[in-house]
Amino acid sequence: MPTYDYECDHCGHTFELFQGINEPHKKKCPVCKKMKLRRLFGTGAALLFKGSGFYETDYRSDSYKADAKKAKQSESVSKKKSTDSKKKPAAKKDASKGSGGSS
């Protein structure tokens, strides 16, 4: 069932109402009780897809999921190796090339 927007021409009250497509339009404002309510044009009849099952990735095959898991594991192993190689101690600087600043 869609959600419709309503507005009262008398008091200006606006609200959303969850109602069926075949239900008659509401005419009486719930705030001021006048018969000045009108339904606004908008996305009331649009379909909203929420939750899982609406994207192509939700229906991947088991073999695809297994291959993706293997690829992710191999990627994490290669990242770990590259991080380990960066942790090697740096070479000591030569002290004789340092501060010989007399000219």
N, C-alpha and C. Protein backbone atom coordinates (compact mmCIF):
# COMPACT_ATOMS: atom_id res chain seq x y z
N MET A 1 0.84 -1.18 0.00
CA MET A 1 0.00 0.00 0.00
C MET A 1 0.89 1.24 0.00
N PRO A 2 0.54 2.21 -0.81
CA PRO A 2 1.35 3.43 -0.89
C PRO A 2 1.05 4.43 0.23
N THR A 3 1.96 5.36 0.38
CA THR A 3 1.80 6.46 1.34
C THR A 3 1.47 7.72 0.55
N TYR A 4 0.43 8.41 0.95
CA TYR A 4 0.00 9.63 0.26
C TYR A 4 0.21 10.84 1.17
N ASP A 5 0.50 11.98 0.55
CA ASP A 5 0.64 13.24 1.27
C ASP A 5 -0.67 14.01 1.17
N TYR A 6 -1.10 14.55 2.30
CA TYR A 6 -2.32 15.36 2.36
C TYR A 6 -1.99 16.72 2.94
N GLU A 7 -2.78 17.74 2.55
CA GLU A 7 -2.64 19.08 3.09
C GLU A 7 -4.02 19.70 3.25
N CYS A 8 -4.20 20.39 4.37
CA CYS A 8 -5.46 21.07 4.63
C CYS A 8 -5.36 22.51 4.11
N ASP A 9 -6.32 22.92 3.28
CA ASP A 9 -6.33 24.28 2.74
C ASP A 9 -6.75 25.31 3.79
N HIS A 10 -7.40 24.86 4.86
CA HIS A 10 -7.86 25.79 5.89
C HIS A 10 -6.76 26.11 6.91
N CYS A 11 -6.17 25.07 7.51
CA CYS A 11 -5.18 25.30 8.58
C CYS A 11 -3.73 25.08 8.13
N GLY A 12 -3.52 24.50 6.95
CA GLY A 12 -2.17 24.28 6.44
C GLY A 12 -1.48 23.03 6.97
N HIS A 13 -2.20 22.22 7.74
CA HIS A 13 -1.63 20.98 8.29
C HIS A 13 -1.31 20.01 7.16
N THR A 14 -0.07 19.46 7.17
CA THR A 14 0.33 18.46 6.18
C THR A 14 0.70 17.18 6.91
N PHE A 15 0.41 16.05 6.29
CA PHE A 15 0.74 14.76 6.88
C PHE A 15 0.75 13.69 5.80
N GLU A 16 1.32 12.54 6.14
CA GLU A 16 1.35 11.39 5.26
C GLU A 16 0.36 10.35 5.77
N LEU A 17 -0.30 9.67 4.84
CA LEU A 17 -1.28 8.66 5.22
C LEU A 17 -1.02 7.39 4.42
N PHE A 18 -0.90 6.28 5.11
CA PHE A 18 -0.69 4.98 4.50
C PHE A 18 -2.06 4.39 4.20
N GLN A 19 -2.42 4.36 2.92
CA GLN A 19 -3.74 3.85 2.56
C GLN A 19 -3.69 3.14 1.22
N GLY A 20 -4.66 2.27 1.01
CA GLY A 20 -4.71 1.48 -0.21
C GLY A 20 -5.06 2.33 -1.43
N ILE A 21 -4.71 1.81 -2.58
CA ILE A 21 -4.96 2.54 -3.84
C ILE A 21 -6.45 2.71 -4.09
N ASN A 22 -7.25 1.73 -3.73
CA ASN A 22 -8.69 1.77 -4.00
C ASN A 22 -9.49 2.48 -2.92
N GLU A 23 -8.85 2.90 -1.84
CA GLU A 23 -9.58 3.61 -0.78
C GLU A 23 -9.90 5.02 -1.25
N PRO A 24 -11.08 5.56 -0.82
CA PRO A 24 -11.42 6.93 -1.22
C PRO A 24 -10.50 7.95 -0.54
N HIS A 25 -10.34 9.09 -1.21
CA HIS A 25 -9.51 10.17 -0.66
C HIS A 25 -10.13 10.68 0.63
N LYS A 26 -9.28 11.04 1.59
CA LYS A 26 -9.77 11.64 2.83
C LYS A 26 -10.13 13.10 2.56
N LYS A 27 -11.18 13.57 3.19
CA LYS A 27 -11.64 14.94 2.95
C LYS A 27 -11.65 15.79 4.21
N LYS A 28 -11.66 15.16 5.39
CA LYS A 28 -11.76 15.89 6.64
C LYS A 28 -10.40 15.97 7.32
N CYS A 29 -9.98 17.18 7.65
CA CYS A 29 -8.69 17.42 8.31
C CYS A 29 -8.74 16.87 9.75
N PRO A 30 -7.72 16.10 10.15
CA PRO A 30 -7.73 15.57 11.51
C PRO A 30 -7.44 16.62 12.59
N VAL A 31 -6.94 17.81 12.20
CA VAL A 31 -6.61 18.86 13.17
C VAL A 31 -7.77 19.82 13.37
N CYS A 32 -8.20 20.47 12.26
CA CYS A 32 -9.25 21.50 12.38
C CYS A 32 -10.65 20.97 12.09
N LYS A 33 -10.75 19.72 11.64
CA LYS A 33 -12.03 19.04 11.36
C LYS A 33 -12.83 19.68 10.22
N LYS A 34 -12.20 20.52 9.41
CA LYS A 34 -12.88 21.12 8.24
C LYS A 34 -12.76 20.16 7.06
N MET A 35 -13.65 20.30 6.11
CA MET A 35 -13.65 19.47 4.91
C MET A 35 -12.82 20.12 3.81
N LYS A 36 -11.61 20.54 4.15
CA LYS A 36 -10.73 21.25 3.21
C LYS A 36 -9.46 20.46 2.90
N LEU A 37 -9.46 19.16 3.12
CA LEU A 37 -8.28 18.33 2.93
C LEU A 37 -8.14 17.95 1.46
N ARG A 38 -6.93 18.01 0.96
CA ARG A 38 -6.69 17.58 -0.41
C ARG A 38 -5.43 16.73 -0.47
N ARG A 39 -5.45 15.76 -1.38
CA ARG A 39 -4.29 14.88 -1.56
C ARG A 39 -3.33 15.54 -2.53
N LEU A 40 -2.06 15.57 -2.16
CA LEU A 40 -1.03 16.20 -2.99
C LEU A 40 -0.49 15.22 -4.02
N PHE A 41 -0.06 15.77 -5.15
CA PHE A 41 0.59 14.95 -6.15
C PHE A 41 2.02 14.68 -5.70
N GLY A 42 2.50 13.52 -5.97
CA GLY A 42 3.86 13.19 -5.56
C GLY A 42 4.16 11.75 -5.87
N THR A 43 4.96 11.17 -5.03
CA THR A 43 5.40 9.79 -5.26
C THR A 43 4.50 8.79 -4.54
N GLY A 44 3.29 9.14 -4.30
CA GLY A 44 2.39 8.27 -3.54
C GLY A 44 2.21 6.89 -4.12
N ALA A 45 2.16 6.77 -5.44
CA ALA A 45 1.92 5.47 -6.05
C ALA A 45 3.21 4.77 -6.44
N ALA A 46 4.35 5.35 -6.10
CA ALA A 46 5.63 4.73 -6.47
C ALA A 46 5.92 3.52 -5.60
N LEU A 47 6.66 2.58 -6.15
CA LEU A 47 7.07 1.41 -5.39
C LEU A 47 8.40 1.69 -4.72
N LEU A 48 8.52 1.30 -3.48
CA LEU A 48 9.77 1.45 -2.75
C LEU A 48 10.33 0.07 -2.47
N PHE A 49 11.54 -0.18 -2.95
CA PHE A 49 12.19 -1.46 -2.72
C PHE A 49 13.15 -1.31 -1.55
N LYS A 50 12.82 -1.93 -0.43
CA LYS A 50 13.66 -1.87 0.75
C LYS A 50 13.98 -3.28 1.20
N GLY A 51 15.15 -3.44 1.79
CA GLY A 51 15.54 -4.74 2.30
C GLY A 51 16.41 -5.50 1.33
N SER A 52 16.69 -6.75 1.65
CA SER A 52 17.55 -7.55 0.79
C SER A 52 16.72 -8.21 -0.31
N GLY A 53 17.42 -8.61 -1.36
CA GLY A 53 16.75 -9.32 -2.45
C GLY A 53 16.42 -8.46 -3.65
N PHE A 54 16.84 -7.20 -3.66
CA PHE A 54 16.49 -6.32 -4.76
C PHE A 54 17.68 -5.92 -5.62
N TYR A 55 18.86 -6.45 -5.32
CA TYR A 55 20.04 -6.10 -6.08
C TYR A 55 20.61 -7.36 -6.71
N GLU A 56 21.29 -7.21 -7.82
CA GLU A 56 21.81 -8.38 -8.51
C GLU A 56 22.83 -9.14 -7.67
N THR A 57 23.51 -8.45 -6.78
CA THR A 57 24.50 -9.11 -5.93
C THR A 57 23.84 -9.97 -4.85
N ASP A 58 22.56 -9.81 -4.61
CA ASP A 58 21.87 -10.63 -3.62
C ASP A 58 21.62 -12.05 -4.12
N TYR A 59 21.71 -12.25 -5.42
CA TYR A 59 21.40 -13.55 -6.00
C TYR A 59 22.63 -14.21 -6.61
N ARG A 60 23.81 -13.94 -6.10
CA ARG A 60 25.03 -14.54 -6.64
C ARG A 60 25.05 -16.03 -6.36
N SER A 61 25.66 -16.77 -7.29
CA SER A 61 25.74 -18.22 -7.13
C SER A 61 26.77 -18.58 -6.06
N ASP A 62 26.70 -19.81 -5.59
CA ASP A 62 27.63 -20.27 -4.55
C ASP A 62 29.07 -20.29 -5.07
N SER A 63 29.25 -20.65 -6.35
CA SER A 63 30.60 -20.68 -6.91
C SER A 63 31.19 -19.27 -6.99
N TYR A 64 30.35 -18.28 -7.31
CA TYR A 64 30.83 -16.90 -7.35
C TYR A 64 31.25 -16.45 -5.96
N LYS A 65 30.44 -16.78 -4.95
CA LYS A 65 30.76 -16.39 -3.58
C LYS A 65 32.06 -17.04 -3.12
N ALA A 66 32.28 -18.31 -3.48
CA ALA A 66 33.50 -19.02 -3.10
C ALA A 66 34.72 -18.38 -3.76
N ASP A 67 34.62 -18.03 -5.05
CA ASP A 67 35.73 -17.38 -5.75
C ASP A 67 36.02 -16.01 -5.15
N ALA A 68 35.00 -15.28 -4.79
CA ALA A 68 35.18 -13.96 -4.19
C ALA A 68 35.87 -14.08 -2.84
N LYS A 69 35.52 -15.11 -2.08
CA LYS A 69 36.14 -15.31 -0.77
C LYS A 69 37.62 -15.64 -0.92
N LYS A 70 37.96 -16.50 -1.91
CA LYS A 70 39.36 -16.84 -2.17
C LYS A 70 40.15 -15.60 -2.58
N ALA A 71 39.58 -14.79 -3.44
CA ALA A 71 40.26 -13.58 -3.90
C ALA A 71 40.50 -12.62 -2.73
N LYS A 72 39.54 -12.51 -1.86
CA LYS A 72 39.68 -11.62 -0.70
C LYS A 72 40.77 -12.12 0.23
N GLN A 73 40.83 -13.45 0.44
CA GLN A 73 41.86 -14.02 1.31
C GLN A 73 43.25 -13.82 0.72
N SER A 74 43.41 -14.04 -0.58
CA SER A 74 44.71 -13.87 -1.21
C SER A 74 45.14 -12.40 -1.18
N GLU A 75 44.17 -11.49 -1.29
CA GLU A 75 44.47 -10.06 -1.22
C GLU A 75 44.96 -9.69 0.18
N SER A 76 44.34 -10.24 1.21
CA SER A 76 44.75 -9.92 2.58
C SER A 76 46.13 -10.51 2.88
N VAL A 77 46.46 -11.68 2.31
CA VAL A 77 47.78 -12.28 2.51
C VAL A 77 48.85 -11.41 1.84
N SER A 78 48.58 -10.93 0.61
CA SER A 78 49.57 -10.10 -0.09
C SER A 78 49.75 -8.76 0.62
N LYS A 79 48.71 -8.22 1.21
CA LYS A 79 48.84 -6.97 1.98
C LYS A 79 49.69 -7.20 3.21
N LYS A 80 49.53 -8.35 3.86
CA LYS A 80 50.29 -8.66 5.06
C LYS A 80 51.77 -8.79 4.72
N LYS A 81 52.10 -9.44 3.60
CA LYS A 81 53.49 -9.59 3.17
C LYS A 81 54.12 -8.23 2.89
N SER A 82 53.39 -7.33 2.24
CA SER A 82 53.94 -6.02 1.93
C SER A 82 54.13 -5.19 3.19
N THR A 83 53.29 -5.36 4.18
CA THR A 83 53.44 -4.64 5.45
C THR A 83 54.64 -5.18 6.22
N ASP A 84 54.86 -6.51 6.18
CA ASP A 84 56.01 -7.11 6.86
C ASP A 84 57.32 -6.64 6.25
N SER A 85 57.38 -6.48 4.95
CA SER A 85 58.62 -6.04 4.29
C SER A 85 58.93 -4.58 4.65
N LYS A 86 57.93 -3.79 4.97
CA LYS A 86 58.16 -2.39 5.35
C LYS A 86 58.70 -2.28 6.77
N LYS A 87 58.54 -3.33 7.58
CA LYS A 87 58.95 -3.28 8.98
C LYS A 87 60.44 -3.57 9.18
N LYS A 88 61.19 -3.89 8.13
CA LYS A 88 62.61 -4.18 8.25
C LYS A 88 63.33 -2.93 8.74
N PRO A 89 64.36 -3.08 9.59
CA PRO A 89 65.07 -1.91 10.12
C PRO A 89 65.80 -1.16 9.01
N ALA A 90 65.79 0.15 9.13
CA ALA A 90 66.43 1.00 8.14
C ALA A 90 67.94 0.94 8.33
N ALA A 91 68.70 1.12 7.25
CA ALA A 91 70.16 1.11 7.32
C ALA A 91 70.64 2.32 8.10
N LYS A 92 71.72 2.11 8.88
CA LYS A 92 72.25 3.22 9.68
C LYS A 92 72.93 4.22 8.76
N LYS A 93 72.76 5.49 9.10
CA LYS A 93 73.37 6.55 8.29
C LYS A 93 74.86 6.62 8.62
N ASP A 94 75.65 6.97 7.63
CA ASP A 94 77.09 7.10 7.82
C ASP A 94 77.39 8.40 8.54
N ALA A 95 78.03 8.31 9.70
CA ALA A 95 78.30 9.48 10.54
C ALA A 95 79.33 10.40 9.91
N SER A 96 80.22 9.87 9.06
CA SER A 96 81.27 10.72 8.47
C SER A 96 80.72 11.68 7.43
N LYS A 97 79.54 11.36 6.85
CA LYS A 97 78.95 12.25 5.83
C LYS A 97 78.06 13.30 6.47
N GLY A 98 77.92 13.28 7.77
CA GLY A 98 76.98 14.13 8.49
C GLY A 98 77.33 15.59 8.47
N SER A 99 77.61 16.20 9.62
CA SER A 99 77.69 17.64 9.74
C SER A 99 79.13 18.12 9.66
N GLY A 100 79.68 18.18 8.50
CA GLY A 100 81.02 18.76 8.29
C GLY A 100 80.84 20.15 7.75
N GLY A 101 80.33 21.09 8.52
CA GLY A 101 79.90 22.37 8.02
C GLY A 101 80.97 23.44 8.00
N SER A 102 82.29 23.17 8.03
CA SER A 102 83.28 24.25 7.96
C SER A 102 83.60 24.57 6.53
N SER A 103 83.59 25.85 6.17
CA SER A 103 83.92 26.25 4.80
C SER A 103 85.07 27.18 4.74
